[in-house]
Amino acid sequence: MTTPTDPCPRCGHPLGDHPARSRMTRARTVAICTPCGQHEADRQARGLAPIPPGEWPLRRAA
């Protein structure tokens, strides 16, 4: 279970009260913050592939 203060795995900012679900999996089980969810939705609407988790900025820094 996630909490609003948990970091978004995409950007590191807090997930917030209403996190989105990453479009990376059909089950959409990865919680991400609302701005990152909007970014994924925008990419999908433009016909662009989602950014793989291994290329998320926070994952690259680890």
C-alpha atoms as a PDB file:
ATOM      1  CA  MET A   1       0.000   0.000   0.000  1.00  0.00           C
ATOM      2  CA  THR A   2       1.293   3.447  -0.846  1.00  0.00           C
ATOM      3  CA  THR A   3       1.027   6.645   1.153  1.00  0.00           C
ATOM      4  CA  PRO A   4       0.836  10.232  -0.150  1.00  0.00           C
ATOM      5  CA  THR A   5       4.387  10.870   1.055  1.00  0.00           C
ATOM      6  CA  ASP A   6       5.928   7.881  -0.752  1.00  0.00           C
ATOM      7  CA  PRO A   7       8.191   8.987  -3.607  1.00  0.00           C
ATOM      8  CA  CYS A   8       7.076   8.617  -7.202  1.00  0.00           C
ATOM      9  CA  PRO A   9       9.367   6.029  -8.843  1.00  0.00           C
ATOM     10  CA  ARG A  10       9.471   8.171 -12.008  1.00  0.00           C
ATOM     11  CA  CYS A  11      10.520  11.530 -10.564  1.00  0.00           C
ATOM     12  CA  GLY A  12      10.997  11.231  -6.801  1.00  0.00           C
ATOM     13  CA  HIS A  13       8.296  13.745  -5.843  1.00  0.00           C
ATOM     14  CA  PRO A  14       5.600  12.636  -3.359  1.00  0.00           C
ATOM     15  CA  LEU A  15       2.836  10.492  -4.845  1.00  0.00           C
ATOM     16  CA  GLY A  16       0.159  12.777  -3.405  1.00  0.00           C
ATOM     17  CA  ASP A  17      -3.360  11.990  -2.314  1.00  0.00           C
ATOM     18  CA  HIS A  18      -4.529  10.595  -5.668  1.00  0.00           C
ATOM     19  CA  PRO A  19      -1.641   8.843  -7.423  1.00  0.00           C
ATOM     20  CA  ALA A  20      -1.977   7.723 -11.013  1.00  0.00           C
ATOM     21  CA  ARG A  21      -1.104   4.259 -12.261  1.00  0.00           C
ATOM     22  CA  SER A  22       1.737   3.845 -14.703  1.00  0.00           C
ATOM     23  CA  ARG A  23       0.746   2.701 -18.161  1.00  0.00           C
ATOM     24  CA  MET A  24       3.807   0.439 -18.261  1.00  0.00           C
ATOM     25  CA  THR A  25       1.801  -2.686 -17.422  1.00  0.00           C
ATOM     26  CA  ARG A  26      -1.675  -3.817 -18.377  1.00  0.00           C
ATOM     27  CA  ALA A  27      -2.540  -4.223 -14.701  1.00  0.00           C
ATOM     28  CA  ARG A  28      -1.269  -0.669 -14.043  1.00  0.00           C
ATOM     29  CA  THR A  29       0.054  -1.689 -10.640  1.00  0.00           C
ATOM     30  CA  VAL A  30       2.862   0.888 -10.358  1.00  0.00           C
ATOM     31  CA  ALA A  31       1.707   4.024  -8.537  1.00  0.00           C
ATOM     32  CA  ILE A  32       3.157   7.283  -9.894  1.00  0.00           C
ATOM     33  CA  CYS A  33       2.406  10.929  -9.110  1.00  0.00           C
ATOM     34  CA  THR A  34      -0.308  12.766 -11.018  1.00  0.00           C
ATOM     35  CA  PRO A  35       2.096  14.866 -13.168  1.00  0.00           C
ATOM     36  CA  CYS A  36       3.963  11.730 -14.252  1.00  0.00           C
ATOM     37  CA  GLY A  37       0.639  10.017 -15.000  1.00  0.00           C
ATOM     38  CA  GLN A  38      -0.349  12.990 -17.158  1.00  0.00           C
ATOM     39  CA  HIS A  39       2.989  12.811 -18.967  1.00  0.00           C
ATOM     40  CA  GLU A  40       2.445   9.116 -19.753  1.00  0.00           C
ATOM     41  CA  ALA A  41      -1.107   9.852 -20.962  1.00  0.00           C
ATOM     42  CA  ASP A  42       0.155  12.696 -23.168  1.00  0.00           C
ATOM     43  CA  ARG A  43       2.807  10.427 -24.706  1.00  0.00           C
ATOM     44  CA  GLN A  44       0.186   7.750 -25.380  1.00  0.00           C
ATOM     45  CA  ALA A  45      -2.170  10.298 -26.969  1.00  0.00           C
ATOM     46  CA  ARG A  46       0.640  11.383 -29.314  1.00  0.00           C
ATOM     47  CA  GLY A  47       1.348   7.777 -30.276  1.00  0.00           C
ATOM     48  CA  LEU A  48       4.673   7.665 -28.430  1.00  0.00           C
ATOM     49  CA  ALA A  49       5.820   4.640 -26.487  1.00  0.00           C
ATOM     50  CA  PRO A  50       5.937   4.927 -22.699  1.00  0.00           C
ATOM     51  CA  ILE A  51       9.320   5.518 -21.105  1.00  0.00           C
ATOM     52  CA  PRO A  52      10.501   2.155 -19.715  1.00  0.00           C
ATOM     53  CA  PRO A  53      11.070   2.058 -15.925  1.00  0.00           C
ATOM     54  CA  GLY A  54      14.791   1.488 -16.443  1.00  0.00           C
ATOM     55  CA  GLU A  55      14.943   4.890 -18.119  1.00  0.00           C
ATOM     56  CA  TRP A  56      12.924   6.799 -15.503  1.00  0.00           C
ATOM     57  CA  PRO A  57      15.115   9.610 -14.139  1.00  0.00           C
ATOM     58  CA  LEU A  58      14.963   8.324 -10.566  1.00  0.00           C
ATOM     59  CA  ARG A  59      15.926   4.818 -11.668  1.00  0.00           C
ATOM     60  CA  ARG A  60      18.926   6.109 -13.664  1.00  0.00           C
ATOM     61  CA  ALA A  61      20.264   7.943 -10.617  1.00  0.00           C
ATOM     62  CA  ALA A  62      20.136   4.800  -8.491  1.00  0.00           C
END
